[in-house]
């Protein structure tokens, strides 16, 4: 039941964020908006793939559950850090420095 609530909450949150930043979105052309959307999807996909596949592969070598948890946490944090830094650089180039907001 909780999964359905989370699935329903995601589009509502996305629409709220778009509505909240509508004046910022008016500054961009349609191709920039498409590029921004694709950049976010690519960053999410990169983080998901690296966490799911690389994290499970590297954590599979650990026999102790505490070490496995530490490795999984390190993989999650490093994957998010790498994907966010790449996303910020791409967004800065796409939007001529308007995004990401500091």
C-alpha atoms as a PDB file:
ATOM      1  CA  UNK A   1       0.000   0.000   0.000  1.00  0.00           C
ATOM      2  CA  UNK A   2       2.876   2.358   0.801  1.00  0.00           C
ATOM      3  CA  UNK A   3       4.347   1.729  -2.664  1.00  0.00           C
ATOM      4  CA  UNK A   4       1.181   2.975  -4.332  1.00  0.00           C
ATOM      5  CA  UNK A   5       1.242   6.121  -2.231  1.00  0.00           C
ATOM      6  CA  UNK A   6       4.845   6.793  -3.213  1.00  0.00           C
ATOM      7  CA  UNK A   7       4.086   6.162  -6.890  1.00  0.00           C
ATOM      8  CA  UNK A   8       1.156   8.575  -6.686  1.00  0.00           C
ATOM      9  CA  UNK A   9       3.178  11.171  -4.778  1.00  0.00           C
ATOM     10  CA  UNK A  10       5.970  11.385  -7.365  1.00  0.00           C
ATOM     11  CA  UNK A  11       3.953  12.963 -10.212  1.00  0.00           C
ATOM     12  CA  UNK A  12       2.226  15.305  -7.758  1.00  0.00           C
ATOM     13  CA  UNK A  13       5.593  16.457  -6.430  1.00  0.00           C
ATOM     14  CA  UNK A  14       6.994  16.857  -9.957  1.00  0.00           C
ATOM     15  CA  UNK A  15       4.006  18.963 -11.051  1.00  0.00           C
ATOM     16  CA  UNK A  16       4.316  21.087  -7.905  1.00  0.00           C
ATOM     17  CA  UNK A  17       8.024  21.739  -8.573  1.00  0.00           C
ATOM     18  CA  UNK A  18       7.326  22.659 -12.203  1.00  0.00           C
ATOM     19  CA  UNK A  19       4.516  24.991 -11.143  1.00  0.00           C
ATOM     20  CA  UNK A  20       6.671  26.560  -8.442  1.00  0.00           C
ATOM     21  CA  UNK A  21       9.509  27.270 -10.910  1.00  0.00           C
ATOM     22  CA  UNK A  22       7.355  28.254 -13.888  1.00  0.00           C
ATOM     23  CA  UNK A  23       8.882  31.748 -14.101  1.00  0.00           C
ATOM     24  CA  UNK A  24      12.354  30.203 -14.321  1.00  0.00           C
ATOM     25  CA  UNK A  25      11.211  27.780 -17.017  1.00  0.00           C
ATOM     26  CA  UNK A  26       9.919  30.673 -19.136  1.00  0.00           C
ATOM     27  CA  UNK A  27      13.524  31.840 -19.567  1.00  0.00           C
ATOM     28  CA  UNK A  28      14.444  28.700 -21.507  1.00  0.00           C
ATOM     29  CA  UNK A  29      13.681  27.617 -25.048  1.00  0.00           C
ATOM     30  CA  UNK A  30      11.877  24.365 -25.785  1.00  0.00           C
ATOM     31  CA  UNK A  31      15.114  22.629 -26.776  1.00  0.00           C
ATOM     32  CA  UNK A  32      16.718  23.692 -23.502  1.00  0.00           C
ATOM     33  CA  UNK A  33      13.756  22.337 -21.537  1.00  0.00           C
ATOM     34  CA  UNK A  34      13.985  19.035 -23.397  1.00  0.00           C
ATOM     35  CA  UNK A  35      17.736  18.942 -22.727  1.00  0.00           C
ATOM     36  CA  UNK A  36      17.179  19.652 -19.034  1.00  0.00           C
ATOM     37  CA  UNK A  37      14.580  16.896 -18.810  1.00  0.00           C
ATOM     38  CA  UNK A  38      16.836  14.402 -20.582  1.00  0.00           C
ATOM     39  CA  UNK A  39      19.747  15.400 -18.352  1.00  0.00           C
ATOM     40  CA  UNK A  40      17.740  14.706 -15.211  1.00  0.00           C
ATOM     41  CA  UNK A  41      16.564  11.355 -16.585  1.00  0.00           C
ATOM     42  CA  UNK A  42      20.131  10.423 -17.523  1.00  0.00           C
ATOM     43  CA  UNK A  43      21.425  11.371 -14.062  1.00  0.00           C
ATOM     44  CA  UNK A  44      18.715   9.311 -12.378  1.00  0.00           C
ATOM     45  CA  UNK A  45      19.446   6.362 -14.673  1.00  0.00           C
ATOM     46  CA  UNK A  46      23.198   6.601 -14.054  1.00  0.00           C
ATOM     47  CA  UNK A  47      22.711   6.659 -10.290  1.00  0.00           C
ATOM     48  CA  UNK A  48      20.214   3.775 -10.394  1.00  0.00           C
ATOM     49  CA  UNK A  49      22.397   1.548 -12.558  1.00  0.00           C
ATOM     50  CA  UNK A  50      25.550   2.215 -10.581  1.00  0.00           C
ATOM     51  CA  UNK A  51      23.849   1.663  -7.224  1.00  0.00           C
ATOM     52  CA  UNK A  52      21.908  -1.416  -8.258  1.00  0.00           C
ATOM     53  CA  UNK A  53      24.458  -3.284 -10.355  1.00  0.00           C
ATOM     54  CA  UNK A  54      27.812  -2.061  -9.058  1.00  0.00           C
ATOM     55  CA  UNK A  55      26.609  -1.867  -5.469  1.00  0.00           C
ATOM     56  CA  UNK A  56      25.223  -5.404  -5.470  1.00  0.00           C
ATOM     57  CA  UNK A  57      28.297  -6.735  -7.243  1.00  0.00           C
ATOM     58  CA  UNK A  58      30.809  -5.160  -4.871  1.00  0.00           C
ATOM     59  CA  UNK A  59      28.749  -5.874  -1.736  1.00  0.00           C
ATOM     60  CA  UNK A  60      28.454  -9.516  -2.747  1.00  0.00           C
ATOM     61  CA  UNK A  61      32.125 -10.007  -1.904  1.00  0.00           C
ATOM     62  CA  UNK A  62      31.619  -8.984   1.725  1.00  0.00           C
ATOM     63  CA  UNK A  63      30.726 -11.811   4.052  1.00  0.00           C
ATOM     64  CA  UNK A  64      29.917  -9.709   7.102  1.00  0.00           C
ATOM     65  CA  UNK A  65      26.619  -7.807   7.073  1.00  0.00           C
ATOM     66  CA  UNK A  66      28.122  -4.732   8.736  1.00  0.00           C
ATOM     67  CA  UNK A  67      30.826  -4.480   6.089  1.00  0.00           C
ATOM     68  CA  UNK A  68      28.216  -5.063   3.390  1.00  0.00           C
ATOM     69  CA  UNK A  69      26.161  -2.165   4.819  1.00  0.00           C
ATOM     70  CA  UNK A  70      29.210   0.124   4.880  1.00  0.00           C
ATOM     71  CA  UNK A  71      30.086  -0.792   1.297  1.00  0.00           C
ATOM     72  CA  UNK A  72      26.509  -0.260   0.143  1.00  0.00           C
ATOM     73  CA  UNK A  73      26.350   3.123   1.848  1.00  0.00           C
ATOM     74  CA  UNK A  74      29.658   4.171   0.293  1.00  0.00           C
ATOM     75  CA  UNK A  75      28.484   3.082  -3.163  1.00  0.00           C
ATOM     76  CA  UNK A  76      25.197   4.977  -2.772  1.00  0.00           C
ATOM     77  CA  UNK A  77      26.879   8.181  -1.612  1.00  0.00           C
ATOM     78  CA  UNK A  78      29.599   8.082  -4.267  1.00  0.00           C
ATOM     79  CA  UNK A  79      27.100   7.282  -7.043  1.00  0.00           C
ATOM     80  CA  UNK A  80      24.869  10.173  -6.029  1.00  0.00           C
ATOM     81  CA  UNK A  81      27.835  12.537  -5.721  1.00  0.00           C
ATOM     82  CA  UNK A  82      29.150  11.624  -9.167  1.00  0.00           C
ATOM     83  CA  UNK A  83      25.770  11.816 -10.894  1.00  0.00           C
ATOM     84  CA  UNK A  84      24.904  15.160  -9.235  1.00  0.00           C
ATOM     85  CA  UNK A  85      28.252  16.697 -10.168  1.00  0.00           C
ATOM     86  CA  UNK A  86      27.871  15.572 -13.787  1.00  0.00           C
ATOM     87  CA  UNK A  87      24.277  16.859 -13.822  1.00  0.00           C
ATOM     88  CA  UNK A  88      25.343  20.257 -12.483  1.00  0.00           C
ATOM     89  CA  UNK A  89      28.028  20.635 -15.168  1.00  0.00           C
ATOM     90  CA  UNK A  90      25.638  19.626 -17.947  1.00  0.00           C
ATOM     91  CA  UNK A  91      22.881  21.942 -16.703  1.00  0.00           C
ATOM     92  CA  UNK A  92      25.311  24.845 -16.454  1.00  0.00           C
ATOM     93  CA  UNK A  93      26.330  24.364 -20.091  1.00  0.00           C
ATOM     94  CA  UNK A  94      22.781  23.838 -21.333  1.00  0.00           C
ATOM     95  CA  UNK A  95      21.318  26.882 -19.614  1.00  0.00           C
ATOM     96  CA  UNK A  96      24.299  29.246 -19.923  1.00  0.00           C
ATOM     97  CA  UNK A  97      24.820  29.342 -16.150  1.00  0.00           C
ATOM     98  CA  UNK A  98      21.201  29.901 -15.069  1.00  0.00           C
ATOM     99  CA  UNK A  99      20.922  26.394 -13.598  1.00  0.00           C
ATOM    100  CA  UNK A 100      21.843  24.909 -11.153  1.00  0.00           C
ATOM    101  CA  UNK A 101      20.634  27.441  -8.637  1.00  0.00           C
ATOM    102  CA  UNK A 102      23.015  27.880  -5.738  1.00  0.00           C
END
